[in-house]
PDB file of all heavy atoms in Angstrom:
ATOM      1  N   ALA A   1     104.275 168.407 150.516  1.00  0.00           N
ATOM      2  CA  ALA A   1     103.291 168.982 149.596  1.00  0.00           C
ATOM      3  C   ALA A   1     102.006 168.163 149.604  1.00  0.00           C
ATOM      4  O   ALA A   1     100.912 168.713 149.501  1.00  0.00           O
ATOM      5  CB  ALA A   1     103.852 169.066 148.182  1.00  0.00           C
ATOM      6  N   LEU A   2     102.123 166.853 149.765  1.00  0.00           N
ATOM      7  CA  LEU A   2     100.929 165.999 149.839  1.00  0.00           C
ATOM      8  C   LEU A   2     100.122 166.304 151.085  1.00  0.00           C
ATOM      9  O   LEU A   2      98.899 166.346 151.053  1.00  0.00           O
ATOM     10  CB  LEU A   2     101.321 164.521 149.835  1.00  0.00           C
ATOM     11  CG  LEU A   2     101.682 163.910 148.504  1.00  0.00           C
ATOM     12  CD1 LEU A   2     102.125 162.463 148.684  1.00  0.00           C
ATOM     13  CD2 LEU A   2     100.508 163.963 147.560  1.00  0.00           C
ATOM     14  N   TYR A   3     100.814 166.508 152.198  1.00  0.00           N
ATOM     15  CA  TYR A   3     100.118 166.798 153.460  1.00  0.00           C
ATOM     16  C   TYR A   3      99.363 168.123 153.393  1.00  0.00           C
ATOM     17  O   TYR A   3      98.371 168.309 154.092  1.00  0.00           O
ATOM     18  CB  TYR A   3     101.095 166.830 154.628  1.00  0.00           C
ATOM     19  CG  TYR A   3     101.625 165.476 155.014  1.00  0.00           C
ATOM     20  CD1 TYR A   3     102.982 165.196 154.900  1.00  0.00           C
ATOM     21  CD2 TYR A   3     100.783 164.485 155.487  1.00  0.00           C
ATOM     22  CE1 TYR A   3     103.482 163.956 155.258  1.00  0.00           C
ATOM     23  CE2 TYR A   3     101.275 163.232 155.842  1.00  0.00           C
ATOM     24  CZ  TYR A   3     102.617 162.984 155.728  1.00  0.00           C
ATOM     25  OH  TYR A   3     103.097 161.757 156.079  1.00  0.00           O
ATOM     26  N   SER A   4      99.825 169.031 152.560  1.00  0.00           N
ATOM     27  CA  SER A   4      99.193 170.356 152.488  1.00  0.00           C
ATOM     28  C   SER A   4      97.954 170.387 151.596  1.00  0.00           C
ATOM     29  O   SER A   4      97.262 171.394 151.548  1.00  0.00           O
ATOM     30  CB  SER A   4     100.206 171.389 151.987  1.00  0.00           C
ATOM     31  OG  SER A   4     100.511 171.155 150.629  1.00  0.00           O
ATOM     32  N   LEU A   5      97.658 169.287 150.894  1.00  0.00           N
ATOM     33  CA  LEU A   5      96.496 169.263 150.010  1.00  0.00           C
ATOM     34  C   LEU A   5      95.209 169.276 150.827  1.00  0.00           C
ATOM     35  O   LEU A   5      95.038 168.481 151.753  1.00  0.00           O
ATOM     36  CB  LEU A   5      96.534 168.036 149.100  1.00  0.00           C
ATOM     37  CG  LEU A   5      97.653 168.008 148.070  1.00  0.00           C
ATOM     38  CD1 LEU A   5      97.642 166.694 147.315  1.00  0.00           C
ATOM     39  CD2 LEU A   5      97.534 169.162 147.113  1.00  0.00           C
ATOM     40  N   LYS A   6      94.307 170.157 150.473  1.00  0.00           N
ATOM     41  CA  LYS A   6      93.045 170.319 151.186  1.00  0.00           C
ATOM     42  C   LYS A   6      92.171 169.081 151.027  1.00  0.00           C
ATOM     43  O   LYS A   6      91.875 168.651 149.916  1.00  0.00           O
ATOM     44  CB  LYS A   6      92.319 171.547 150.627  1.00  0.00           C
ATOM     45  CG  LYS A   6      90.986 171.850 151.265  1.00  0.00           C
ATOM     46  CD  LYS A   6      90.366 173.082 150.636  1.00  0.00           C
ATOM     47  CE  LYS A   6      88.973 172.764 150.199  1.00  0.00           C
ATOM     48  NZ  LYS A   6      88.361 173.806 149.423  1.00  0.00           N
ATOM     49  N   GLY A   7      91.775 168.492 152.142  1.00  0.00           N
ATOM     50  CA  GLY A   7      90.827 167.382 152.121  1.00  0.00           C
ATOM     51  C   GLY A   7      91.371 166.069 151.595  1.00  0.00           C
ATOM     52  O   GLY A   7      90.601 165.218 151.192  1.00  0.00           O
ATOM     53  N   ILE A   8      92.691 165.895 151.615  1.00  0.00           N
ATOM     54  CA  ILE A   8      93.254 164.649 151.080  1.00  0.00           C
ATOM     55  C   ILE A   8      92.891 163.490 152.006  1.00  0.00           C
ATOM     56  O   ILE A   8      92.990 163.596 153.224  1.00  0.00           O
ATOM     57  CB  ILE A   8      94.778 164.756 150.866  1.00  0.00           C
ATOM     58  CG1 ILE A   8      95.285 163.551 150.075  1.00  0.00           C
ATOM     59  CG2 ILE A   8      95.511 164.929 152.175  1.00  0.00           C
ATOM     60  CD1 ILE A   8      96.675 163.725 149.520  1.00  0.00           C
ATOM     61  N   THR A   9      92.426 162.412 151.401  1.00  0.00           N
ATOM     62  CA  THR A   9      92.077 161.214 152.164  1.00  0.00           C
ATOM     63  C   THR A   9      93.287 160.292 152.221  1.00  0.00           C
ATOM     64  O   THR A   9      94.222 160.429 151.423  1.00  0.00           O
ATOM     65  CB  THR A   9      90.903 160.465 151.510  1.00  0.00           C
ATOM     66  OG1 THR A   9      91.295 160.040 150.193  1.00  0.00           O
ATOM     67  CG2 THR A   9      89.664 161.356 151.408  1.00  0.00           C
ATOM     68  N   SER A  10      93.269 159.365 153.139  1.00  0.00           N
ATOM     69  CA  SER A  10      94.394 158.434 153.252  1.00  0.00           C
ATOM     70  C   SER A  10      94.520 157.582 151.987  1.00  0.00           C
ATOM     71  O   SER A  10      95.625 157.265 151.544  1.00  0.00           O
ATOM     72  CB  SER A  10      94.236 157.545 154.483  1.00  0.00           C
ATOM     73  OG  SER A  10      93.049 156.804 154.417  1.00  0.00           O
ATOM     74  N   GLU A  11      93.381 157.243 151.390  1.00  0.00           N
ATOM     75  CA  GLU A  11      93.388 156.460 150.149  1.00  0.00           C
ATOM     76  C   GLU A  11      94.066 157.243 149.021  1.00  0.00           C
ATOM     77  O   GLU A  11      94.896 156.709 148.289  1.00  0.00           O
ATOM     78  CB  GLU A  11      91.949 156.112 149.760  1.00  0.00           C
ATOM     79  CG  GLU A  11      91.818 155.298 148.507  1.00  0.00           C
ATOM     80  CD  GLU A  11      90.362 155.023 148.159  1.00  0.00           C
ATOM     81  OE1 GLU A  11      89.534 154.902 149.071  1.00  0.00           O
ATOM     82  OE2 GLU A  11      90.073 154.933 146.957  1.00  0.00           O
ATOM     83  N   GLU A  12      93.708 158.516 148.895  1.00  0.00           N
ATOM     84  CA  GLU A  12      94.316 159.350 147.855  1.00  0.00           C
ATOM     85  C   GLU A  12      95.798 159.549 148.123  1.00  0.00           C
ATOM     86  O   GLU A  12      96.623 159.491 147.206  1.00  0.00           O
ATOM     87  CB  GLU A  12      93.603 160.705 147.785  1.00  0.00           C
ATOM     88  CG  GLU A  12      94.168 161.632 146.747  1.00  0.00           C
ATOM     89  CD  GLU A  12      93.535 163.015 146.754  1.00  0.00           C
ATOM     90  OE1 GLU A  12      92.630 163.286 147.575  1.00  0.00           O
ATOM     91  OE2 GLU A  12      93.961 163.840 145.933  1.00  0.00           O
ATOM     92  N   PHE A  13      96.153 159.765 149.379  1.00  0.00           N
ATOM     93  CA  PHE A  13      97.554 159.964 149.761  1.00  0.00           C
ATOM     94  C   PHE A  13      98.396 158.755 149.345  1.00  0.00           C
ATOM     95  O   PHE A  13      99.445 158.905 148.720  1.00  0.00           O
ATOM     96  CB  PHE A  13      97.649 160.194 151.272  1.00  0.00           C
ATOM     97  CG  PHE A  13      99.027 160.522 151.756  1.00  0.00           C
ATOM     98  CD1 PHE A  13      99.480 161.823 151.757  1.00  0.00           C
ATOM     99  CD2 PHE A  13      99.872 159.519 152.213  1.00  0.00           C
ATOM    100  CE1 PHE A  13     100.757 162.133 152.204  1.00  0.00           C
ATOM    101  CE2 PHE A  13     101.145 159.810 152.659  1.00  0.00           C
ATOM    102  CZ  PHE A  13     101.593 161.127 152.654  1.00  0.00           C
ATOM    103  N   LYS A  14      97.921 157.551 149.660  1.00  0.00           N
ATOM    104  CA  LYS A  14      98.646 156.334 149.312  1.00  0.00           C
ATOM    105  C   LYS A  14      98.760 156.178 147.803  1.00  0.00           C
ATOM    106  O   LYS A  14      99.805 155.787 147.283  1.00  0.00           O
ATOM    107  CB  LYS A  14      97.950 155.112 149.908  1.00  0.00           C
ATOM    108  CG  LYS A  14      98.076 155.014 151.405  1.00  0.00           C
ATOM    109  CD  LYS A  14      97.260 153.855 151.942  1.00  0.00           C
ATOM    110  CE  LYS A  14      97.223 153.874 153.448  1.00  0.00           C
ATOM    111  NZ  LYS A  14      96.343 152.836 154.003  1.00  0.00           N
ATOM    112  N   TYR A  15      97.662 156.488 147.083  1.00  0.00           N
ATOM    113  CA  TYR A  15      97.680 156.337 145.635  1.00  0.00           C
ATOM    114  C   TYR A  15      98.686 157.295 144.998  1.00  0.00           C
ATOM    115  O   TYR A  15      99.448 156.895 144.116  1.00  0.00           O
ATOM    116  CB  TYR A  15      96.282 156.573 145.051  1.00  0.00           C
ATOM    117  CG  TYR A  15      96.228 156.283 143.577  1.00  0.00           C
ATOM    118  CD1 TYR A  15      96.151 154.970 143.126  1.00  0.00           C
ATOM    119  CD2 TYR A  15      96.300 157.304 142.633  1.00  0.00           C
ATOM    120  CE1 TYR A  15      96.134 154.684 141.765  1.00  0.00           C
ATOM    121  CE2 TYR A  15      96.289 157.028 141.286  1.00  0.00           C
ATOM    122  CZ  TYR A  15      96.204 155.718 140.857  1.00  0.00           C
ATOM    123  OH  TYR A  15      96.195 155.447 139.516  1.00  0.00           O
ATOM    124  N   VAL A  16      98.713 158.531 145.458  1.00  0.00           N
ATOM    125  CA  VAL A  16      99.639 159.515 144.890  1.00  0.00           C
ATOM    126  C   VAL A  16     101.075 159.130 145.224  1.00  0.00           C
ATOM    127  O   VAL A  16     101.967 159.258 144.380  1.00  0.00           O
ATOM    128  CB  VAL A  16      99.298 160.945 145.369  1.00  0.00           C
ATOM    129  CG1 VAL A  16     100.365 161.933 144.953  1.00  0.00           C
ATOM    130  CG2 VAL A  16      97.947 161.373 144.826  1.00  0.00           C
ATOM    131  N   GLN A  17     101.314 158.633 146.436  1.00  0.00           N
ATOM    132  CA  GLN A  17     102.654 158.171 146.794  1.00  0.00           C
ATOM    133  C   GLN A  17     103.108 157.052 145.861  1.00  0.00           C
ATOM    134  O   GLN A  17     104.242 157.049 145.397  1.00  0.00           O
ATOM    135  CB  GLN A  17     102.683 157.666 148.236  1.00  0.00           C
ATOM    136  CG  GLN A  17     103.027 158.709 149.248  1.00  0.00           C
ATOM    137  CD  GLN A  17     103.245 158.086 150.624  1.00  0.00           C
ATOM    138  OE1 GLN A  17     102.573 157.142 151.006  1.00  0.00           O
ATOM    139  NE2 GLN A  17     104.179 158.646 151.359  1.00  0.00           N
ATOM    140  N   GLN A  18     102.216 156.093 145.606  1.00  0.00           N
ATOM    141  CA  GLN A  18     102.549 154.991 144.703  1.00  0.00           C
ATOM    142  C   GLN A  18     102.804 155.498 143.291  1.00  0.00           C
ATOM    143  O   GLN A  18     103.703 155.022 142.595  1.00  0.00           O
ATOM    144  CB  GLN A  18     101.427 153.962 144.674  1.00  0.00           C
ATOM    145  CG  GLN A  18     101.293 153.160 145.934  1.00  0.00           C
ATOM    146  CD  GLN A  18     100.054 152.279 145.927  1.00  0.00           C
ATOM    147  OE1 GLN A  18      99.174 152.436 145.069  1.00  0.00           O
ATOM    148  NE2 GLN A  18      99.961 151.367 146.878  1.00  0.00           N
ATOM    149  N   THR A  19     102.001 156.458 142.869  1.00  0.00           N
ATOM    150  CA  THR A  19     102.149 157.019 141.532  1.00  0.00           C
ATOM    151  C   THR A  19     103.488 157.733 141.374  1.00  0.00           C
ATOM    152  O   THR A  19     104.128 157.636 140.330  1.00  0.00           O
ATOM    153  CB  THR A  19     100.996 157.999 141.236  1.00  0.00           C
ATOM    154  OG1 THR A  19      99.755 157.319 141.379  1.00  0.00           O
ATOM    155  CG2 THR A  19     101.091 158.582 139.847  1.00  0.00           C
ATOM    156  N   MET A  20     103.912 158.416 142.424  1.00  0.00           N
ATOM    157  CA  MET A  20     105.157 159.184 142.368  1.00  0.00           C
ATOM    158  C   MET A  20     106.401 158.319 142.591  1.00  0.00           C
ATOM    159  O   MET A  20     107.516 158.792 142.370  1.00  0.00           O
ATOM    160  CB  MET A  20     105.115 160.310 143.404  1.00  0.00           C
ATOM    161  CG  MET A  20     104.107 161.392 143.089  1.00  0.00           C
ATOM    162  SD  MET A  20     104.029 162.647 144.374  1.00  0.00           S
ATOM    163  CE  MET A  20     105.636 163.405 144.219  1.00  0.00           C
ATOM    164  N   HIS A  21     106.209 157.079 143.005  1.00  0.00           N
ATOM    165  CA  HIS A  21     107.346 156.193 143.271  1.00  0.00           C
ATOM    166  C   HIS A  21     108.191 156.038 142.007  1.00  0.00           C
ATOM    167  O   HIS A  21     107.686 155.751 140.936  1.00  0.00           O
ATOM    168  CB  HIS A  21     106.856 154.825 143.749  1.00  0.00           C
ATOM    169  CG  HIS A  21     107.974 153.902 144.112  1.00  0.00           C
ATOM    170  ND1 HIS A  21     108.737 154.072 145.237  1.00  0.00           N
ATOM    171  CD2 HIS A  21     108.478 152.811 143.475  1.00  0.00           C
ATOM    172  CE1 HIS A  21     109.654 153.133 145.292  1.00  0.00           C
ATOM    173  NE2 HIS A  21     109.511 152.348 144.222  1.00  0.00           N
ATOM    174  N   GLY A  22     109.469 156.246 142.160  1.00  0.00           N
ATOM    175  CA  GLY A  22     110.388 156.089 141.036  1.00  0.00           C
ATOM    176  C   GLY A  22     110.605 157.358 140.229  1.00  0.00           C
ATOM    177  O   GLY A  22     111.392 157.356 139.290  1.00  0.00           O
ATOM    178  N   MET A  23     109.906 158.424 140.563  1.00  0.00           N
ATOM    179  CA  MET A  23     110.118 159.690 139.854  1.00  0.00           C
ATOM    180  C   MET A  23     111.360 160.382 140.401  1.00  0.00           C
ATOM    181  O   MET A  23     111.677 160.261 141.588  1.00  0.00           O
ATOM    182  CB  MET A  23     108.920 160.635 140.039  1.00  0.00           C
ATOM    183  CG  MET A  23     107.683 160.255 139.314  1.00  0.00           C
ATOM    184  SD  MET A  23     106.422 161.550 139.517  1.00  0.00           S
ATOM    185  CE  MET A  23     105.067 160.805 138.656  1.00  0.00           C
ATOM    186  N   THR A  24     112.030 161.115 139.541  1.00  0.00           N
ATOM    187  CA  THR A  24     113.135 161.943 140.005  1.00  0.00           C
ATOM    188  C   THR A  24     112.547 163.113 140.793  1.00  0.00           C
ATOM    189  O   THR A  24     111.346 163.351 140.756  1.00  0.00           O
ATOM    190  CB  THR A  24     113.950 162.486 138.816  1.00  0.00           C
ATOM    191  OG1 THR A  24     113.110 163.357 138.043  1.00  0.00           O
ATOM    192  CG2 THR A  24     114.483 161.361 137.940  1.00  0.00           C
ATOM    193  N   ASP A  25     113.407 163.836 141.486  1.00  0.00           N
ATOM    194  CA  ASP A  25     112.933 164.993 142.255  1.00  0.00           C
ATOM    195  C   ASP A  25     112.266 166.017 141.345  1.00  0.00           C
ATOM    196  O   ASP A  25     111.238 166.591 141.692  1.00  0.00           O
ATOM    197  CB  ASP A  25     114.075 165.639 143.032  1.00  0.00           C
ATOM    198  CG  ASP A  25     114.510 164.797 144.223  1.00  0.00           C
ATOM    199  OD1 ASP A  25     113.699 163.958 144.674  1.00  0.00           O
ATOM    200  OD2 ASP A  25     115.641 164.993 144.700  1.00  0.00           O
ATOM    201  N   GLN A  26     112.855 166.241 140.179  1.00  0.00           N
ATOM    202  CA  GLN A  26     112.292 167.205 139.235  1.00  0.00           C
ATOM    203  C   GLN A  26     110.927 166.740 138.733  1.00  0.00           C
ATOM    204  O   GLN A  26     109.987 167.520 138.662  1.00  0.00           O
ATOM    205  CB  GLN A  26     113.240 167.430 138.065  1.00  0.00           C
ATOM    206  CG  GLN A  26     112.737 168.463 137.082  1.00  0.00           C
ATOM    207  CD  GLN A  26     113.682 168.648 135.899  1.00  0.00           C
ATOM    208  OE1 GLN A  26     114.657 167.923 135.746  1.00  0.00           O
ATOM    209  NE2 GLN A  26     113.380 169.616 135.051  1.00  0.00           N
ATOM    210  N   GLN A  27     110.807 165.462 138.394  1.00  0.00           N
ATOM    211  CA  GLN A  27     109.520 164.925 137.955  1.00  0.00           C
ATOM    212  C   GLN A  27     108.492 165.010 139.077  1.00  0.00           C
ATOM    213  O   GLN A  27     107.332 165.334 138.836  1.00  0.00           O
ATOM    214  CB  GLN A  27     109.674 163.465 137.508  1.00  0.00           C
ATOM    215  CG  GLN A  27     110.407 163.289 136.213  1.00  0.00           C
ATOM    216  CD  GLN A  27     110.667 161.822 135.895  1.00  0.00           C
ATOM    217  OE1 GLN A  27     110.829 160.990 136.789  1.00  0.00           O
ATOM    218  NE2 GLN A  27     110.723 161.506 134.606  1.00  0.00           N
ATOM    219  N   GLY A  28     108.916 164.723 140.311  1.00  0.00           N
ATOM    220  CA  GLY A  28     108.016 164.813 141.456  1.00  0.00           C
ATOM    221  C   GLY A  28     107.509 166.229 141.672  1.00  0.00           C
ATOM    222  O   GLY A  28     106.326 166.438 141.962  1.00  0.00           O
ATOM    223  N   GLU A  29     108.389 167.203 141.519  1.00  0.00           N
ATOM    224  CA  GLU A  29     107.984 168.602 141.663  1.00  0.00           C
ATOM    225  C   GLU A  29     106.993 168.994 140.571  1.00  0.00           C
ATOM    226  O   GLU A  29     105.985 169.652 140.839  1.00  0.00           O
ATOM    227  CB  GLU A  29     109.207 169.514 141.621  1.00  0.00           C
ATOM    228  CG  GLU A  29     110.052 169.452 142.866  1.00  0.00           C
ATOM    229  CD  GLU A  29     111.301 170.303 142.756  1.00  0.00           C
ATOM    230  OE1 GLU A  29     111.318 171.257 141.945  1.00  0.00           O
ATOM    231  OE2 GLU A  29     112.265 170.005 143.475  1.00  0.00           O
ATOM    232  N   GLN A  30     107.285 168.598 139.330  1.00  0.00           N
ATOM    233  CA  GLN A  30     106.372 168.896 138.231  1.00  0.00           C
ATOM    234  C   GLN A  30     105.020 168.228 138.458  1.00  0.00           C
ATOM    235  O   GLN A  30     103.974 168.840 138.250  1.00  0.00           O
ATOM    236  CB  GLN A  30     106.952 168.424 136.895  1.00  0.00           C
ATOM    237  CG  GLN A  30     108.092 169.241 136.390  1.00  0.00           C
ATOM    238  CD  GLN A  30     108.655 168.681 135.090  1.00  0.00           C
ATOM    239  OE1 GLN A  30     108.499 167.498 134.777  1.00  0.00           O
ATOM    240  NE2 GLN A  30     109.319 169.541 134.332  1.00  0.00           N
ATOM    241  N   PHE A  31     105.057 166.968 138.896  1.00  0.00           N
ATOM    242  CA  PHE A  31     103.822 166.242 139.164  1.00  0.00           C
ATOM    243  C   PHE A  31     102.987 166.993 140.199  1.00  0.00           C
ATOM    244  O   PHE A  31     101.789 167.191 140.014  1.00  0.00           O
ATOM    245  CB  PHE A  31     104.138 164.825 139.659  1.00  0.00           C
ATOM    246  CG  PHE A  31     102.907 164.058 140.054  1.00  0.00           C
ATOM    247  CD1 PHE A  31     102.205 163.335 139.111  1.00  0.00           C
ATOM    248  CD2 PHE A  31     102.449 164.070 141.362  1.00  0.00           C
ATOM    249  CE1 PHE A  31     101.054 162.638 139.464  1.00  0.00           C
ATOM    250  CE2 PHE A  31     101.312 163.381 141.729  1.00  0.00           C
ATOM    251  CZ  PHE A  31     100.609 162.659 140.775  1.00  0.00           C
TER     252      PHE A  31
END
């Protein structure tokens, strides 16, 4: 889902990955 975001930069990708770290699958989907 992150890869499909229009115009995502590598910086944003890394930040969102870090933000989602530790979330359950359900929380990740909601996020």
